[in-house]
Amino acid sequence: MATITDITPAKGFYDYEAKYAPGGSSHVLPAVLPPHVFEAALRESELAHTAMGCRGVSRSDFRYDDVKDELVLLEVNTQPGMTPTSLSPEQAAHVGMDYKALVRWMVEDASCPR
């Protein structure tokens, strides 16, 4: 599952309210980016996920400077939220995976290797 979300906070800063309050931010899926930036973000997310040994769902946060055409990886979140305003369930739905299927996949993928 991979897509990119563009987040715009309702009140100028992406704080607790912007993250968790209904209407605190708007999400555009997929983010409208130049194709080379979109592909770079997907590629760098996958590389970071693999390099860190992540399993299941992770979310990579980036900043894109459109003036400098510069994409910067900020962090890899290995425990993304599952609230009504969280990005992972929203992104899963965007690519055709409902909440129940997402949770099932996360639980099944969380098992320890034998």
N, C-alpha and C. Protein backbone atom coordinates (compact mmCIF):
# COMPACT_ATOMS: atom_id res chain seq x y z
N MET A 1 0.85 -1.17 0.00
CA MET A 1 0.00 0.00 0.00
C MET A 1 0.90 1.23 0.00
N ALA A 2 0.76 2.07 -0.98
CA ALA A 2 1.58 3.28 -1.00
C ALA A 2 0.87 4.40 -1.75
N THR A 3 0.74 5.49 -1.06
CA THR A 3 0.28 6.72 -1.69
C THR A 3 0.85 7.87 -0.88
N ILE A 4 0.65 9.06 -1.36
CA ILE A 4 1.19 10.24 -0.70
C ILE A 4 0.05 11.18 -0.39
N THR A 5 0.06 11.72 0.83
CA THR A 5 -0.96 12.65 1.28
C THR A 5 -0.35 14.03 1.47
N ASP A 6 -1.01 15.03 0.94
CA ASP A 6 -0.63 16.43 1.18
C ASP A 6 -1.52 16.94 2.30
N ILE A 7 -0.91 17.40 3.39
CA ILE A 7 -1.65 17.85 4.57
C ILE A 7 -1.57 19.37 4.68
N THR A 8 -2.73 20.01 4.83
CA THR A 8 -2.77 21.45 5.05
C THR A 8 -3.56 21.71 6.33
N PRO A 9 -2.89 22.23 7.37
CA PRO A 9 -3.61 22.51 8.61
C PRO A 9 -4.60 23.66 8.42
N ALA A 10 -5.73 23.58 9.12
CA ALA A 10 -6.77 24.61 9.00
C ALA A 10 -6.31 25.94 9.58
N LYS A 11 -5.44 25.91 10.60
CA LYS A 11 -5.05 27.14 11.28
C LYS A 11 -3.56 27.45 11.16
N GLY A 12 -2.91 27.02 10.11
CA GLY A 12 -1.54 27.45 9.86
C GLY A 12 -0.43 26.58 10.40
N PHE A 13 -0.66 25.81 11.47
CA PHE A 13 0.39 24.97 12.03
C PHE A 13 -0.17 23.58 12.29
N TYR A 14 0.61 22.56 11.99
CA TYR A 14 0.15 21.18 12.16
C TYR A 14 0.41 20.73 13.60
N ASP A 15 -0.49 21.13 14.49
CA ASP A 15 -0.37 20.83 15.91
C ASP A 15 -1.34 19.69 16.29
N TYR A 16 -1.50 19.47 17.58
CA TYR A 16 -2.37 18.40 18.06
C TYR A 16 -3.78 18.52 17.50
N GLU A 17 -4.34 19.72 17.55
CA GLU A 17 -5.70 19.93 17.05
C GLU A 17 -5.78 19.65 15.55
N ALA A 18 -4.78 20.09 14.81
CA ALA A 18 -4.77 19.86 13.37
C ALA A 18 -4.71 18.37 13.05
N LYS A 19 -4.01 17.61 13.88
CA LYS A 19 -3.87 16.17 13.66
C LYS A 19 -5.12 15.39 14.05
N TYR A 20 -5.73 15.74 15.19
CA TYR A 20 -6.75 14.87 15.77
C TYR A 20 -8.17 15.39 15.76
N ALA A 21 -8.37 16.68 15.60
CA ALA A 21 -9.73 17.22 15.60
C ALA A 21 -10.33 17.12 14.20
N PRO A 22 -11.57 16.66 14.11
CA PRO A 22 -12.23 16.66 12.80
C PRO A 22 -12.20 18.07 12.20
N GLY A 23 -11.76 18.17 10.96
CA GLY A 23 -11.66 19.47 10.29
C GLY A 23 -10.41 20.24 10.64
N GLY A 24 -9.52 19.65 11.44
CA GLY A 24 -8.29 20.34 11.84
C GLY A 24 -7.29 20.50 10.71
N SER A 25 -7.42 19.67 9.70
CA SER A 25 -6.56 19.77 8.52
C SER A 25 -7.27 19.15 7.33
N SER A 26 -6.81 19.53 6.15
CA SER A 26 -7.36 18.90 4.94
C SER A 26 -6.28 17.99 4.35
N HIS A 27 -6.73 16.89 3.79
CA HIS A 27 -5.83 15.90 3.21
C HIS A 27 -6.16 15.73 1.74
N VAL A 28 -5.16 15.80 0.89
CA VAL A 28 -5.33 15.57 -0.54
C VAL A 28 -4.61 14.27 -0.88
N LEU A 29 -5.36 13.32 -1.42
CA LEU A 29 -4.82 12.02 -1.82
C LEU A 29 -5.18 11.74 -3.27
N PRO A 30 -4.26 11.40 -4.10
CA PRO A 30 -2.83 11.50 -3.87
C PRO A 30 -2.39 12.96 -3.92
N ALA A 31 -1.29 13.26 -3.26
CA ALA A 31 -0.76 14.62 -3.27
C ALA A 31 -0.44 15.03 -4.71
N VAL A 32 -0.71 16.29 -5.00
CA VAL A 32 -0.40 16.82 -6.33
C VAL A 32 1.04 17.31 -6.30
N LEU A 33 1.92 16.53 -6.89
CA LEU A 33 3.35 16.82 -6.91
C LEU A 33 3.89 16.57 -8.31
N PRO A 34 5.02 17.17 -8.65
CA PRO A 34 5.66 16.80 -9.92
C PRO A 34 5.93 15.29 -9.90
N PRO A 35 5.75 14.62 -11.03
CA PRO A 35 5.92 13.16 -11.05
C PRO A 35 7.25 12.68 -10.48
N HIS A 36 8.34 13.39 -10.75
CA HIS A 36 9.64 12.93 -10.25
C HIS A 36 9.71 13.03 -8.72
N VAL A 37 9.00 13.97 -8.13
CA VAL A 37 8.98 14.12 -6.67
C VAL A 37 8.11 13.02 -6.06
N PHE A 38 6.97 12.77 -6.67
CA PHE A 38 6.07 11.71 -6.20
C PHE A 38 6.81 10.38 -6.18
N GLU A 39 7.46 10.05 -7.29
CA GLU A 39 8.19 8.78 -7.39
C GLU A 39 9.35 8.73 -6.40
N ALA A 40 10.06 9.85 -6.22
CA ALA A 40 11.18 9.89 -5.27
C ALA A 40 10.69 9.65 -3.84
N ALA A 41 9.56 10.24 -3.48
CA ALA A 41 9.02 10.06 -2.13
C ALA A 41 8.63 8.60 -1.90
N LEU A 42 7.99 7.97 -2.88
CA LEU A 42 7.64 6.56 -2.74
C LEU A 42 8.90 5.70 -2.62
N ARG A 43 9.88 5.97 -3.47
CA ARG A 43 11.12 5.20 -3.46
C ARG A 43 11.88 5.38 -2.14
N GLU A 44 12.03 6.62 -1.68
CA GLU A 44 12.75 6.88 -0.44
C GLU A 44 12.01 6.29 0.77
N SER A 45 10.68 6.32 0.74
CA SER A 45 9.90 5.70 1.82
C SER A 45 10.18 4.21 1.90
N GLU A 46 10.16 3.56 0.76
CA GLU A 46 10.41 2.12 0.74
C GLU A 46 11.83 1.80 1.17
N LEU A 47 12.80 2.59 0.71
CA LEU A 47 14.19 2.37 1.12
C LEU A 47 14.37 2.54 2.62
N ALA A 48 13.77 3.58 3.19
CA ALA A 48 13.87 3.82 4.63
C ALA A 48 13.20 2.70 5.41
N HIS A 49 12.02 2.28 4.97
CA HIS A 49 11.28 1.19 5.61
C HIS A 49 12.14 -0.08 5.66
N THR A 50 12.75 -0.40 4.53
CA THR A 50 13.58 -1.60 4.43
C THR A 50 14.86 -1.47 5.25
N ALA A 51 15.53 -0.33 5.14
CA ALA A 51 16.80 -0.12 5.85
C ALA A 51 16.63 -0.21 7.36
N MET A 52 15.47 0.22 7.84
CA MET A 52 15.21 0.20 9.29
C MET A 52 14.66 -1.15 9.76
N GLY A 53 14.42 -2.06 8.83
CA GLY A 53 13.88 -3.37 9.20
C GLY A 53 12.42 -3.32 9.59
N CYS A 54 11.70 -2.35 9.09
CA CYS A 54 10.28 -2.21 9.43
C CYS A 54 9.48 -3.35 8.82
N ARG A 55 8.38 -3.68 9.48
CA ARG A 55 7.42 -4.65 8.96
C ARG A 55 6.05 -4.02 9.07
N GLY A 56 5.16 -4.43 8.20
CA GLY A 56 3.81 -3.89 8.26
C GLY A 56 3.76 -2.45 7.80
N VAL A 57 2.98 -1.67 8.53
CA VAL A 57 2.73 -0.28 8.14
C VAL A 57 3.78 0.63 8.77
N SER A 58 4.34 1.49 7.96
CA SER A 58 5.13 2.61 8.46
C SER A 58 4.72 3.82 7.63
N ARG A 59 4.96 4.99 8.18
CA ARG A 59 4.64 6.21 7.45
C ARG A 59 5.88 7.09 7.44
N SER A 60 6.31 7.47 6.25
CA SER A 60 7.45 8.37 6.12
C SER A 60 6.94 9.78 5.92
N ASP A 61 7.46 10.70 6.72
CA ASP A 61 7.06 12.10 6.62
C ASP A 61 8.15 12.89 5.90
N PHE A 62 7.72 13.69 4.94
CA PHE A 62 8.63 14.49 4.13
C PHE A 62 8.20 15.94 4.14
N ARG A 63 9.13 16.80 3.81
CA ARG A 63 8.85 18.20 3.45
C ARG A 63 9.36 18.36 2.03
N TYR A 64 8.57 19.05 1.21
CA TYR A 64 8.99 19.33 -0.16
C TYR A 64 9.07 20.83 -0.35
N ASP A 65 10.23 21.31 -0.75
CA ASP A 65 10.45 22.73 -1.06
C ASP A 65 10.34 22.87 -2.57
N ASP A 66 9.21 23.42 -3.02
CA ASP A 66 9.00 23.52 -4.46
C ASP A 66 9.87 24.59 -5.11
N VAL A 67 10.40 25.52 -4.35
CA VAL A 67 11.31 26.53 -4.91
C VAL A 67 12.66 25.90 -5.22
N LYS A 68 13.17 25.12 -4.28
CA LYS A 68 14.47 24.46 -4.46
C LYS A 68 14.33 23.08 -5.12
N ASP A 69 13.09 22.62 -5.31
CA ASP A 69 12.82 21.27 -5.81
C ASP A 69 13.56 20.25 -4.95
N GLU A 70 13.37 20.38 -3.63
CA GLU A 70 14.10 19.55 -2.68
C GLU A 70 13.12 18.79 -1.79
N LEU A 71 13.30 17.49 -1.74
CA LEU A 71 12.50 16.60 -0.91
C LEU A 71 13.36 16.17 0.28
N VAL A 72 12.84 16.35 1.50
CA VAL A 72 13.60 16.02 2.71
C VAL A 72 12.80 15.03 3.56
N LEU A 73 13.41 13.89 3.86
CA LEU A 73 12.79 12.91 4.75
C LEU A 73 12.94 13.39 6.18
N LEU A 74 11.83 13.56 6.89
CA LEU A 74 11.85 14.02 8.27
C LEU A 74 11.93 12.86 9.26
N GLU A 75 11.09 11.86 9.06
CA GLU A 75 11.05 10.73 10.00
C GLU A 75 10.30 9.56 9.38
N VAL A 76 10.53 8.40 9.96
CA VAL A 76 9.75 7.21 9.64
C VAL A 76 9.00 6.84 10.90
N ASN A 77 7.69 6.84 10.81
CA ASN A 77 6.83 6.52 11.95
C ASN A 77 6.45 5.05 11.84
N THR A 78 6.89 4.26 12.80
CA THR A 78 6.63 2.81 12.76
C THR A 78 5.33 2.41 13.45
N GLN A 79 4.67 3.38 14.07
CA GLN A 79 3.38 3.10 14.70
C GLN A 79 2.39 4.20 14.33
N PRO A 80 2.03 4.27 13.05
CA PRO A 80 1.09 5.31 12.64
C PRO A 80 -0.28 5.12 13.29
N GLY A 81 -0.97 6.22 13.46
CA GLY A 81 -2.26 6.21 14.14
C GLY A 81 -3.35 5.46 13.40
N MET A 82 -4.38 5.12 14.16
CA MET A 82 -5.54 4.41 13.60
C MET A 82 -6.83 5.09 14.05
N THR A 83 -6.78 6.41 14.29
CA THR A 83 -7.96 7.17 14.70
C THR A 83 -8.76 7.57 13.48
N PRO A 84 -9.96 8.13 13.67
CA PRO A 84 -10.75 8.58 12.52
C PRO A 84 -10.07 9.66 11.67
N THR A 85 -9.09 10.36 12.22
CA THR A 85 -8.40 11.39 11.43
C THR A 85 -6.99 10.96 11.02
N SER A 86 -6.62 9.71 11.28
CA SER A 86 -5.27 9.23 10.97
C SER A 86 -5.08 9.00 9.48
N LEU A 87 -3.83 9.12 9.06
CA LEU A 87 -3.50 9.01 7.64
C LEU A 87 -3.49 7.58 7.12
N SER A 88 -3.00 6.63 7.90
CA SER A 88 -2.88 5.25 7.39
C SER A 88 -4.21 4.64 6.96
N PRO A 89 -5.27 4.71 7.78
CA PRO A 89 -6.56 4.18 7.32
C PRO A 89 -7.09 4.94 6.10
N GLU A 90 -6.85 6.23 6.07
CA GLU A 90 -7.30 7.05 4.94
C GLU A 90 -6.54 6.65 3.67
N GLN A 91 -5.24 6.44 3.79
CA GLN A 91 -4.45 6.04 2.63
C GLN A 91 -4.83 4.63 2.17
N ALA A 92 -5.07 3.74 3.12
CA ALA A 92 -5.49 2.38 2.77
C ALA A 92 -6.80 2.42 1.99
N ALA A 93 -7.75 3.20 2.48
CA ALA A 93 -9.04 3.33 1.78
C ALA A 93 -8.84 3.88 0.38
N HIS A 94 -7.92 4.81 0.24
CA HIS A 94 -7.66 5.41 -1.08
C HIS A 94 -7.18 4.37 -2.09
N VAL A 95 -6.42 3.37 -1.62
CA VAL A 95 -5.92 2.34 -2.54
C VAL A 95 -6.80 1.09 -2.53
N GLY A 96 -8.00 1.19 -1.91
CA GLY A 96 -8.97 0.11 -1.99
C GLY A 96 -8.97 -0.89 -0.85
N MET A 97 -8.31 -0.57 0.27
CA MET A 97 -8.28 -1.47 1.42
C MET A 97 -9.12 -0.87 2.54
N ASP A 98 -10.18 -1.58 2.95
CA ASP A 98 -11.01 -1.05 4.03
C ASP A 98 -10.33 -1.22 5.38
N TYR A 99 -10.90 -0.60 6.40
CA TYR A 99 -10.29 -0.58 7.74
C TYR A 99 -10.08 -1.99 8.29
N LYS A 100 -11.09 -2.83 8.13
CA LYS A 100 -11.01 -4.19 8.65
C LYS A 100 -9.86 -4.96 7.98
N ALA A 101 -9.74 -4.83 6.68
CA ALA A 101 -8.66 -5.51 5.95
C ALA A 101 -7.29 -4.96 6.36
N LEU A 102 -7.21 -3.65 6.59
CA LEU A 102 -5.96 -3.04 7.04
C LEU A 102 -5.54 -3.61 8.40
N VAL A 103 -6.47 -3.66 9.34
CA VAL A 103 -6.16 -4.19 10.67
C VAL A 103 -5.76 -5.66 10.58
N ARG A 104 -6.49 -6.43 9.79
CA ARG A 104 -6.16 -7.85 9.63
C ARG A 104 -4.73 -8.00 9.10
N TRP A 105 -4.40 -7.23 8.06
CA TRP A 105 -3.06 -7.29 7.47
C TRP A 105 -1.99 -6.90 8.50
N MET A 106 -2.25 -5.85 9.28
CA MET A 106 -1.29 -5.40 10.28
C MET A 106 -1.05 -6.48 11.34
N VAL A 107 -2.12 -7.13 11.79
CA VAL A 107 -1.99 -8.17 12.81
C VAL A 107 -1.25 -9.39 12.25
N GLU A 108 -1.64 -9.81 11.06
CA GLU A 108 -0.99 -10.98 10.46
C GLU A 108 0.48 -10.70 10.18
N ASP A 109 0.81 -9.50 9.74
CA ASP A 109 2.19 -9.16 9.39
C ASP A 109 3.05 -8.94 10.63
N ALA A 110 2.42 -8.73 11.78
CA ALA A 110 3.16 -8.45 13.01
C ALA A 110 3.75 -9.70 13.65
N SER A 111 3.36 -10.87 13.17
CA SER A 111 3.87 -12.09 13.78
C SER A 111 5.39 -12.17 13.63
N CYS A 112 6.03 -12.76 14.62
CA CYS A 112 7.49 -12.87 14.61
C CYS A 112 7.93 -13.93 13.61
N PRO A 113 9.05 -13.68 12.94
CA PRO A 113 9.56 -14.70 12.01
C PRO A 113 9.99 -15.95 12.79
N ARG A 114 9.85 -17.09 12.17
CA ARG A 114 10.21 -18.36 12.83
C ARG A 114 11.57 -18.80 12.39
